[in-house]
C-alpha atoms as a PDB file:
ATOM      1  CA  MET A   1       0.075  -0.147   0.067  1.00  0.00           C
ATOM      2  CA  LEU A   2       1.229   3.329  -1.159  1.00  0.00           C
ATOM      3  CA  LYS A   3       2.292   5.752   2.184  1.00  0.00           C
ATOM      4  CA  THR A   4       1.628   9.364   1.983  1.00  0.00           C
ATOM      5  CA  ASN A   5       0.812  12.188   4.215  1.00  0.00           C
ATOM      6  CA  ASN A   6      -0.275  14.650   1.751  1.00  0.00           C
ATOM      7  CA  LEU A   7      -2.381  12.870  -1.099  1.00  0.00           C
ATOM      8  CA  LEU A   8      -5.393  10.692  -0.925  1.00  0.00           C
ATOM      9  CA  VAL A   9      -5.009   6.873  -1.992  1.00  0.00           C
ATOM     10  CA  ILE A  10      -8.397   5.597  -3.227  1.00  0.00           C
ATOM     11  CA  GLU A  11      -8.880   1.571  -3.595  1.00  0.00           C
ATOM     12  CA  LYS A  12     -11.595   0.070  -5.308  1.00  0.00           C
ATOM     13  CA  ASN A  13     -11.237  -3.781  -5.558  1.00  0.00           C
ATOM     14  CA  ASP A  14      -7.935  -4.165  -7.267  1.00  0.00           C
ATOM     15  CA  LEU A  15      -7.828  -0.424  -8.629  1.00  0.00           C
ATOM     16  CA  ILE A  16      -5.739   1.863  -6.749  1.00  0.00           C
ATOM     17  CA  TYR A  17      -5.518   5.714  -7.790  1.00  0.00           C
ATOM     18  CA  ILE A  18      -4.328   8.885  -6.122  1.00  0.00           C
ATOM     19  CA  LYS A  19      -6.120  12.103  -5.878  1.00  0.00           C
ATOM     20  CA  PHE A  20      -5.194  15.574  -4.604  1.00  0.00           C
ATOM     21  CA  PRO A  21      -7.015  16.869  -1.302  1.00  0.00           C
ATOM     22  CA  LYS A  22      -7.117  20.786  -2.412  1.00  0.00           C
ATOM     23  CA  ILE A  23      -8.313  19.946  -5.623  1.00  0.00           C
ATOM     24  CA  GLU A  24     -11.084  17.498  -4.423  1.00  0.00           C
ATOM     25  CA  ALA A  25     -12.270  19.887  -1.795  1.00  0.00           C
ATOM     26  CA  LEU A  26     -13.317  22.319  -4.497  1.00  0.00           C
ATOM     27  CA  GLY A  27     -16.044  19.984  -6.098  1.00  0.00           C
ATOM     28  CA  ILE A  28     -15.899  21.027  -9.472  1.00  0.00           C
ATOM     29  CA  THR A  29     -13.576  18.411 -11.112  1.00  0.00           C
ATOM     30  CA  ARG A  30     -13.182  14.681 -11.464  1.00  0.00           C
ATOM     31  CA  HIS A  31      -9.342  13.826 -11.401  1.00  0.00           C
ATOM     32  CA  LEU A  32      -6.933  11.263 -10.591  1.00  0.00           C
ATOM     33  CA  PHE A  33      -3.520  10.002 -10.857  1.00  0.00           C
ATOM     34  CA  SER A  34      -2.886   6.235 -11.781  1.00  0.00           C
ATOM     35  CA  THR A  35      -1.023   3.497 -10.073  1.00  0.00           C
ATOM     36  CA  ARG A  36       0.247   0.315 -11.601  1.00  0.00           C
ATOM     37  CA  HIS A  37      -2.664  -1.525  -9.978  1.00  0.00           C
ATOM     38  CA  GLY A  38      -6.066  -2.547 -11.499  1.00  0.00           C
ATOM     39  CA  GLY A  39      -5.608  -3.118 -14.834  1.00  0.00           C
ATOM     40  CA  VAL A  40      -5.197  -5.736 -17.800  1.00  0.00           C
ATOM     41  CA  SER A  41      -1.660  -5.107 -19.019  1.00  0.00           C
ATOM     42  CA  LYS A  42       0.851  -7.901 -18.755  1.00  0.00           C
ATOM     43  CA  GLY A  43       4.606  -8.196 -18.255  1.00  0.00           C
ATOM     44  CA  TYR A  44       6.632  -4.962 -17.407  1.00  0.00           C
ATOM     45  CA  CYS A  45       3.645  -3.038 -18.352  1.00  0.00           C
ATOM     46  CA  SER A  46       1.600  -4.704 -15.567  1.00  0.00           C
ATOM     47  CA  THR A  47      -1.183  -4.292 -14.845  1.00  0.00           C
ATOM     48  CA  MET A  48      -2.209  -0.613 -15.449  1.00  0.00           C
ATOM     49  CA  ASN A  49      -0.574   0.816 -18.381  1.00  0.00           C
ATOM     50  CA  LEU A  50      -1.801   4.173 -19.812  1.00  0.00           C
ATOM     51  CA  SER A  51       0.362   4.571 -22.909  1.00  0.00           C
ATOM     52  CA  PHE A  52      -0.210   3.118 -26.492  1.00  0.00           C
ATOM     53  CA  ASN A  53       3.355   3.260 -27.127  1.00  0.00           C
ATOM     54  CA  ARG A  54       4.606   0.740 -24.746  1.00  0.00           C
ATOM     55  CA  GLY A  55       4.082  -2.532 -27.102  1.00  0.00           C
ATOM     56  CA  GLU A  56       1.053  -3.810 -25.480  1.00  0.00           C
ATOM     57  CA  PRO A  57      -1.936  -4.435 -27.526  1.00  0.00           C
ATOM     58  CA  ARG A  58      -4.032  -1.402 -28.108  1.00  0.00           C
ATOM     59  CA  GLU A  59      -7.397  -3.053 -26.795  1.00  0.00           C
ATOM     60  CA  ASP A  60      -5.461  -3.652 -23.338  1.00  0.00           C
ATOM     61  CA  THR A  61      -4.619  -0.076 -22.801  1.00  0.00           C
ATOM     62  CA  LEU A  62      -8.132   1.059 -23.917  1.00  0.00           C
ATOM     63  CA  LYS A  63      -9.627  -1.340 -21.329  1.00  0.00           C
ATOM     64  CA  ASN A  64      -7.279  -0.003 -18.682  1.00  0.00           C
ATOM     65  CA  TYR A  65      -8.628   3.641 -19.494  1.00  0.00           C
ATOM     66  CA  GLU A  66     -12.132   2.069 -19.146  1.00  0.00           C
ATOM     67  CA  ILE A  67     -11.463   0.687 -15.869  1.00  0.00           C
ATOM     68  CA  LEU A  68      -9.587   3.724 -14.496  1.00  0.00           C
ATOM     69  CA  CYS A  69     -12.006   6.296 -15.896  1.00  0.00           C
ATOM     70  CA  SER A  70     -15.182   4.505 -14.762  1.00  0.00           C
ATOM     71  CA  ALA A  71     -13.964   4.749 -10.945  1.00  0.00           C
ATOM     72  CA  GLU A  72     -14.671   8.548 -11.095  1.00  0.00           C
ATOM     73  CA  GLY A  73     -17.400   8.658 -13.700  1.00  0.00           C
ATOM     74  CA  ILE A  74     -15.275   9.867 -16.516  1.00  0.00           C
ATOM     75  CA  LYS A  75     -16.085   8.837 -19.913  1.00  0.00           C
ATOM     76  CA  THR A  76     -13.405   7.524 -22.337  1.00  0.00           C
ATOM     77  CA  GLU A  77     -14.862   9.454 -25.395  1.00  0.00           C
ATOM     78  CA  ASN A  78     -14.156  12.739 -23.460  1.00  0.00           C
ATOM     79  CA  LEU A  79     -10.407  11.924 -23.257  1.00  0.00           C
ATOM     80  CA  VAL A  80      -7.786  14.430 -24.817  1.00  0.00           C
ATOM     81  CA  LEU A  81      -4.243  12.889 -25.253  1.00  0.00           C
ATOM     82  CA  SER A  82      -1.000  14.555 -26.550  1.00  0.00           C
ATOM     83  CA  HIS A  83       2.395  13.199 -27.663  1.00  0.00           C
ATOM     84  CA  GLN A  84       4.695  14.687 -25.112  1.00  0.00           C
ATOM     85  CA  THR A  85       8.330  15.605 -25.850  1.00  0.00           C
ATOM     86  CA  HIS A  86       9.600  17.545 -23.068  1.00  0.00           C
ATOM     87  CA  THR A  87       8.532  20.679 -24.586  1.00  0.00           C
ATOM     88  CA  ASN A  88       6.926  23.698 -22.854  1.00  0.00           C
ATOM     89  CA  ASN A  89       4.196  23.573 -25.499  1.00  0.00           C
ATOM     90  CA  VAL A  90       0.777  24.214 -23.778  1.00  0.00           C
ATOM     91  CA  MET A  91      -2.749  23.967 -25.868  1.00  0.00           C
ATOM     92  CA  CYS A  92      -6.070  25.107 -25.081  1.00  0.00           C
ATOM     93  CA  VAL A  93      -8.606  22.545 -26.193  1.00  0.00           C
ATOM     94  CA  THR A  94     -12.618  22.134 -26.155  1.00  0.00           C
ATOM     95  CA  LYS A  95     -15.242  19.522 -26.513  1.00  0.00           C
ATOM     96  CA  GLU A  96     -14.261  19.327 -30.255  1.00  0.00           C
ATOM     97  CA  ASP A  97     -11.084  17.780 -29.297  1.00  0.00           C
ATOM     98  CA  CYS A  98     -12.385  14.813 -27.153  1.00  0.00           C
ATOM     99  CA  GLY A  99     -11.378  11.329 -28.311  1.00  0.00           C
ATOM    100  CA  THR A 100      -7.947  12.866 -29.472  1.00  0.00           C
ATOM    101  CA  GLY A 101      -5.356  10.324 -28.923  1.00  0.00           C
ATOM    102  CA  ILE A 102      -8.104   7.703 -28.535  1.00  0.00           C
ATOM    103  CA  THR A 103     -10.247   7.630 -31.586  1.00  0.00           C
ATOM    104  CA  LYS A 104      -8.304  10.339 -33.251  1.00  0.00           C
ATOM    105  CA  PRO A 105      -4.468  11.141 -33.495  1.00  0.00           C
ATOM    106  CA  SER A 106      -2.860  12.789 -30.563  1.00  0.00           C
ATOM    107  CA  PHE A 107      -1.731  16.324 -30.705  1.00  0.00           C
ATOM    108  CA  SER A 108       1.959  16.488 -31.442  1.00  0.00           C
ATOM    109  CA  ASP A 109       4.797  18.045 -29.237  1.00  0.00           C
ATOM    110  CA  ILE A 110       2.203  19.340 -26.503  1.00  0.00           C
ATOM    111  CA  ASP A 111       3.089  18.842 -22.908  1.00  0.00           C
ATOM    112  CA  GLY A 112       0.364  20.815 -21.444  1.00  0.00           C
ATOM    113  CA  LEU A 113      -3.447  21.137 -21.892  1.00  0.00           C
ATOM    114  CA  ILE A 114      -6.080  23.748 -20.565  1.00  0.00           C
ATOM    115  CA  THR A 115     -10.038  23.594 -20.873  1.00  0.00           C
ATOM    116  CA  ASN A 116     -12.758  25.957 -19.529  1.00  0.00           C
ATOM    117  CA  GLN A 117     -15.365  23.461 -20.705  1.00  0.00           C
ATOM    118  CA  SER A 118     -16.747  20.617 -18.833  1.00  0.00           C
ATOM    119  CA  GLY A 119     -16.629  17.168 -20.028  1.00  0.00           C
ATOM    120  CA  VAL A 120     -13.380  17.522 -21.500  1.00  0.00           C
ATOM    121  CA  ALA A 121     -11.024  15.215 -19.665  1.00  0.00           C
ATOM    122  CA  LEU A 122      -7.292  16.319 -19.965  1.00  0.00           C
ATOM    123  CA  VAL A 123      -4.611  13.443 -19.896  1.00  0.00           C
ATOM    124  CA  THR A 124      -0.916  13.567 -19.317  1.00  0.00           C
ATOM    125  CA  GLN A 125       1.409  10.675 -18.957  1.00  0.00           C
ATOM    126  CA  TYR A 126       4.211   9.899 -16.734  1.00  0.00           C
ATOM    127  CA  ALA A 127       7.093   7.492 -15.404  1.00  0.00           C
ATOM    128  CA  ASP A 128       9.205   9.528 -13.016  1.00  0.00           C
ATOM    129  CA  CYS A 129       8.372  13.072 -14.620  1.00  0.00           C
ATOM    130  CA  THR A 130       6.284  15.653 -12.641  1.00  0.00           C
ATOM    131  CA  PRO A 131       2.549  15.860 -12.844  1.00  0.00           C
ATOM    132  CA  LEU A 132       0.979  19.313 -12.486  1.00  0.00           C
ATOM    133  CA  LEU A 133      -2.754  19.616 -12.254  1.00  0.00           C
ATOM    134  CA  PHE A 134      -4.458  23.005 -11.917  1.00  0.00           C
ATOM    135  CA  CYS A 135      -7.741  24.124 -11.143  1.00  0.00           C
ATOM    136  CA  ASP A 136      -9.237  27.866 -11.021  1.00  0.00           C
ATOM    137  CA  PRO A 137     -12.541  27.229  -9.238  1.00  0.00           C
ATOM    138  CA  VAL A 138     -13.831  31.145  -9.810  1.00  0.00           C
ATOM    139  CA  LYS A 139     -12.931  31.016 -13.652  1.00  0.00           C
ATOM    140  CA  LYS A 140     -13.504  27.302 -13.912  1.00  0.00           C
ATOM    141  CA  VAL A 141     -10.602  26.451 -15.710  1.00  0.00           C
ATOM    142  CA  ILE A 142      -8.522  23.290 -15.497  1.00  0.00           C
ATOM    143  CA  ALA A 143      -5.178  22.286 -16.933  1.00  0.00           C
ATOM    144  CA  THR A 144      -2.386  19.365 -16.609  1.00  0.00           C
ATOM    145  CA  SER A 145       1.282  19.730 -17.644  1.00  0.00           C
ATOM    146  CA  HIS A 146       4.083  17.127 -17.813  1.00  0.00           C
ATOM    147  CA  ALA A 147       7.442  18.726 -16.152  1.00  0.00           C
ATOM    148  CA  GLY A 148      10.125  16.271 -16.261  1.00  0.00           C
ATOM    149  CA  TRP A 149      13.499  18.300 -15.746  1.00  0.00           C
ATOM    150  CA  ARG A 150      13.464  19.734 -19.306  1.00  0.00           C
ATOM    151  CA  GLY A 151       9.982  20.833 -19.007  1.00  0.00           C
ATOM    152  CA  THR A 152      10.807  22.238 -15.551  1.00  0.00           C
ATOM    153  CA  VAL A 153      13.607  24.186 -16.730  1.00  0.00           C
ATOM    154  CA  LYS A 154      11.397  25.476 -19.654  1.00  0.00           C
ATOM    155  CA  LEU A 155       9.097  26.690 -16.893  1.00  0.00           C
ATOM    156  CA  ILE A 156       6.105  24.702 -18.041  1.00  0.00           C
ATOM    157  CA  GLY A 157       4.421  25.310 -14.854  1.00  0.00           C
ATOM    158  CA  LYS A 158       4.725  29.114 -15.096  1.00  0.00           C
ATOM    159  CA  ILE A 159       3.679  28.978 -18.985  1.00  0.00           C
ATOM    160  CA  THR A 160       0.536  26.987 -17.859  1.00  0.00           C
ATOM    161  CA  VAL A 161      -0.420  29.748 -15.348  1.00  0.00           C
ATOM    162  CA  GLU A 162       0.350  32.552 -17.975  1.00  0.00           C
ATOM    163  CA  LYS A 163      -1.892  30.901 -20.594  1.00  0.00           C
ATOM    164  CA  MET A 164      -4.752  30.341 -18.087  1.00  0.00           C
ATOM    165  CA  THR A 165      -4.299  34.030 -17.144  1.00  0.00           C
ATOM    166  CA  ALA A 166      -4.216  35.252 -20.899  1.00  0.00           C
ATOM    167  CA  GLU A 167      -6.990  33.143 -22.370  1.00  0.00           C
ATOM    168  CA  PHE A 168      -9.488  32.732 -19.585  1.00  0.00           C
ATOM    169  CA  GLY A 169      -8.770  35.622 -17.177  1.00  0.00           C
ATOM    170  CA  CYS A 170      -7.734  33.600 -14.303  1.00  0.00           C
ATOM    171  CA  ASP A 171      -6.167  34.998 -11.209  1.00  0.00           C
ATOM    172  CA  PRO A 172      -3.183  32.705 -10.268  1.00  0.00           C
ATOM    173  CA  LYS A 173      -4.119  33.567  -6.501  1.00  0.00           C
ATOM    174  CA  ASP A 174      -7.205  31.509  -7.074  1.00  0.00           C
ATOM    175  CA  ILE A 175      -5.501  28.748  -8.734  1.00  0.00           C
ATOM    176  CA  VAL A 176      -5.105  25.403  -6.696  1.00  0.00           C
ATOM    177  CA  VAL A 177      -2.420  23.011  -7.953  1.00  0.00           C
ATOM    178  CA  GLY A 178      -1.495  19.332  -7.538  1.00  0.00           C
ATOM    179  CA  ILE A 179       2.131  18.395  -7.822  1.00  0.00           C
ATOM    180  CA  GLY A 180       2.097  14.541  -8.342  1.00  0.00           C
ATOM    181  CA  PRO A 181       4.107  11.459  -7.750  1.00  0.00           C
ATOM    182  CA  SER A 182       7.451  11.355  -9.566  1.00  0.00           C
ATOM    183  CA  ILE A 183      11.049  10.686  -8.966  1.00  0.00           C
ATOM    184  CA  LYS A 184      12.376  12.456  -5.893  1.00  0.00           C
ATOM    185  CA  GLN A 185      15.391  13.702  -4.506  1.00  0.00           C
ATOM    186  CA  CYS A 186      16.509  10.432  -2.920  1.00  0.00           C
ATOM    187  CA  CYS A 187      16.734   8.764  -6.307  1.00  0.00           C
ATOM    188  CA  TYR A 188      17.189  11.296  -8.933  1.00  0.00           C
ATOM    189  CA  GLU A 189      20.915  11.840  -9.768  1.00  0.00           C
ATOM    190  CA  VAL A 190      21.724  14.383 -12.292  1.00  0.00           C
ATOM    191  CA  ASP A 191      25.000  15.926 -13.716  1.00  0.00           C
ATOM    192  CA  THR A 192      26.464  19.382 -14.110  1.00  0.00           C
ATOM    193  CA  PRO A 193      24.891  20.188 -17.324  1.00  0.00           C
ATOM    194  CA  VAL A 194      21.382  19.750 -15.746  1.00  0.00           C
ATOM    195  CA  TYR A 195      22.259  21.736 -12.743  1.00  0.00           C
ATOM    196  CA  ASN A 196      23.524  24.573 -14.827  1.00  0.00           C
ATOM    197  CA  GLU A 197      20.208  24.801 -16.577  1.00  0.00           C
ATOM    198  CA  PHE A 198      18.635  25.283 -13.309  1.00  0.00           C
ATOM    199  CA  LEU A 199      21.384  27.901 -12.345  1.00  0.00           C
ATOM    200  CA  LYS A 200      19.914  30.163 -15.355  1.00  0.00           C
ATOM    201  CA  ILE A 201      16.781  30.463 -13.580  1.00  0.00           C
ATOM    202  CA  ASP A 202      17.305  33.676 -11.112  1.00  0.00           C
ATOM    203  CA  PHE A 203      14.525  33.086  -8.663  1.00  0.00           C
ATOM    204  CA  LEU A 204      15.302  29.568  -7.829  1.00  0.00           C
ATOM    205  CA  LYS A 205      16.810  28.491  -4.387  1.00  0.00           C
ATOM    206  CA  LEU A 206      19.150  26.138  -5.621  1.00  0.00           C
ATOM    207  CA  ASP A 207      20.136  24.948  -2.232  1.00  0.00           C
ATOM    208  CA  ASP A 208      16.432  23.675  -1.373  1.00  0.00           C
ATOM    209  CA  ILE A 209      16.248  21.707  -4.746  1.00  0.00           C
ATOM    210  CA  PHE A 210      19.709  20.303  -5.170  1.00  0.00           C
ATOM    211  CA  ILE A 211      21.940  18.135  -2.829  1.00  0.00           C
ATOM    212  CA  LYS A 212      25.575  18.011  -4.223  1.00  0.00           C
ATOM    213  CA  LYS A 213      26.836  14.303  -4.090  1.00  0.00           C
ATOM    214  CA  SER A 214      30.251  14.777  -5.887  1.00  0.00           C
ATOM    215  CA  ASP A 215      31.880  17.419  -8.118  1.00  0.00           C
ATOM    216  CA  ASP A 216      29.773  16.597 -11.120  1.00  0.00           C
ATOM    217  CA  LYS A 217      26.722  14.851  -9.621  1.00  0.00           C
ATOM    218  CA  PHE A 218      23.518  16.356  -7.769  1.00  0.00           C
ATOM    219  CA  MET A 219      20.431  14.832  -6.162  1.00  0.00           C
ATOM    220  CA  LEU A 220      17.607  16.945  -7.685  1.00  0.00           C
ATOM    221  CA  ASP A 221      14.194  17.649  -6.132  1.00  0.00           C
ATOM    222  CA  LEU A 222      11.519  18.240  -9.122  1.00  0.00           C
ATOM    223  CA  VAL A 223       8.726  18.650  -6.781  1.00  0.00           C
ATOM    224  CA  GLU A 224      10.498  21.508  -4.841  1.00  0.00           C
ATOM    225  CA  ALA A 225      11.588  23.159  -8.002  1.00  0.00           C
ATOM    226  CA  ASN A 226       8.220  23.088  -9.614  1.00  0.00           C
ATOM    227  CA  ARG A 227       6.738  24.512  -6.230  1.00  0.00           C
ATOM    228  CA  GLN A 228       9.117  27.492  -6.362  1.00  0.00           C
ATOM    229  CA  ILE A 229       8.157  28.019 -10.159  1.00  0.00           C
ATOM    230  CA  LEU A 230       4.512  28.252  -9.456  1.00  0.00           C
ATOM    231  CA  ILE A 231       4.904  30.377  -6.518  1.00  0.00           C
ATOM    232  CA  ASN A 232       6.902  32.631  -8.667  1.00  0.00           C
ATOM    233  CA  SER A 233       4.034  32.478 -10.922  1.00  0.00           C
ATOM    234  CA  GLY A 234       1.709  33.891  -8.442  1.00  0.00           C
ATOM    235  CA  ILE A 235       0.360  30.854  -6.959  1.00  0.00           C
ATOM    236  CA  LYS A 236      -0.289  30.677  -3.296  1.00  0.00           C
ATOM    237  CA  ASP A 237       1.886  28.228  -1.157  1.00  0.00           C
ATOM    238  CA  GLU A 238      -1.171  27.157   0.585  1.00  0.00           C
ATOM    239  CA  ASN A 239      -2.994  26.203  -2.596  1.00  0.00           C
ATOM    240  CA  ILE A 240      -0.529  23.827  -3.461  1.00  0.00           C
ATOM    241  CA  ASP A 241      -0.577  19.977  -2.839  1.00  0.00           C
ATOM    242  CA  CYS A 242       2.978  18.559  -3.167  1.00  0.00           C
ATOM    243  CA  SER A 243       3.378  14.763  -3.358  1.00  0.00           C
ATOM    244  CA  ASP A 244       5.403  12.982  -1.133  1.00  0.00           C
ATOM    245  CA  ILE A 245       5.647   9.688  -3.036  1.00  0.00           C
ATOM    246  CA  CYS A 246       8.672   8.807  -5.051  1.00  0.00           C
ATOM    247  CA  THR A 247       7.953   6.816  -7.976  1.00  0.00           C
ATOM    248  CA  SER A 248      11.541   5.058  -8.256  1.00  0.00           C
ATOM    249  CA  CYS A 249      10.920   3.946  -4.303  1.00  0.00           C
ATOM    250  CA  ASN A 250       7.647   2.711  -5.092  1.00  0.00           C
ATOM    251  CA  SER A 251       8.229   1.004  -8.486  1.00  0.00           C
ATOM    252  CA  ASP A 252       5.923  -1.930  -7.647  1.00  0.00           C
ATOM    253  CA  ASP A 253       3.034   0.564  -7.351  1.00  0.00           C
ATOM    254  CA  LEU A 254       3.938   3.235 -10.037  1.00  0.00           C
ATOM    255  CA  HIS A 255       5.886   2.980 -13.347  1.00  0.00           C
ATOM    256  CA  SER A 256       9.441   4.240 -12.835  1.00  0.00           C
ATOM    257  CA  HIS A 257      11.612   4.603 -15.982  1.00  0.00           C
ATOM    258  CA  ARG A 258      14.747   4.977 -14.210  1.00  0.00           C
ATOM    259  CA  LYS A 259      14.268   2.206 -11.806  1.00  0.00           C
ATOM    260  CA  THR A 260      13.221  -0.249 -14.580  1.00  0.00           C
ATOM    261  CA  GLY A 261      15.745   0.986 -17.358  1.00  0.00           C
ATOM    262  CA  GLY A 262      12.967   1.747 -19.250  1.00  0.00           C
ATOM    263  CA  LYS A 263      10.906  -1.359 -19.048  1.00  0.00           C
ATOM    264  CA  ARG A 264       7.750   0.000 -17.951  1.00  0.00           C
ATOM    265  CA  GLY A 265       4.085   1.383 -18.790  1.00  0.00           C
ATOM    266  CA  ASN A 266       3.087   4.960 -18.265  1.00  0.00           C
ATOM    267  CA  LEU A 267       1.034   6.342 -15.392  1.00  0.00           C
ATOM    268  CA  ALA A 268      -1.504   9.017 -16.411  1.00  0.00           C
ATOM    269  CA  ALA A 269      -3.021  12.110 -14.666  1.00  0.00           C
ATOM    270  CA  ILE A 270      -6.623  13.027 -15.842  1.00  0.00           C
ATOM    271  CA  ILE A 271      -8.807  16.110 -14.789  1.00  0.00           C
ATOM    272  CA  GLU A 272     -12.166  16.814 -16.163  1.00  0.00           C
ATOM    273  CA  LEU A 273     -14.728  19.829 -15.223  1.00  0.00           C
ATOM    274  CA  ILE A 274     -17.716  18.493 -14.045  1.00  0.00           C
END
């Protein structure tokens, strides 16, 4: 069983998934973050894989979406998926885009999705990278963004907030954010070139993000990095749920690219306005 002090772990028979308390308390979304449990996938994708690009039969991945989404009352035909490539490209979508990545081709090179329409279920995928889920209860706008270290240094969290503001008039002070399970500082070693990319962001407090391991190796805290970026974007600290779950430490429960050397499925974050 996953242990957490900050998030909600939901069990429904064999299915286990995660929710964010602050987003849940708003009462205007259906949302979740998947685990490895409760699906039909086999082998290293077992049992809950949400990617169509991991080599398993497409019908198994579709069945996983059906199982997972039905637990929260989300219709699979409402899903919108994109092909993520560690960019900071964020796209606004509508009901016309429902089914993208399921019955229509995925959007390409998109790592963040935003909508202000109910019944549009935004999906991003993970296997160590950091999930960011957004909800503005005043303007009724939601978003989800995929923040690996590349997306983080490209400030995808900040860009998502800015696009919510520009497109829909959101006030960052109203936005509630969930930072989901990812590889944590205990397991995420990076080298000097990665450290130097973060060094270029002048507002980051690097001493709270990195632990120096040797002359050219550092342990990186992506959750803290994204938290600082969100606060710099105007998000209130008290409006952020920060995950305390490491995907690598919990690779029996969560897919981890680094822990398994790439032999893994994908997790998914899904959020939909009611």
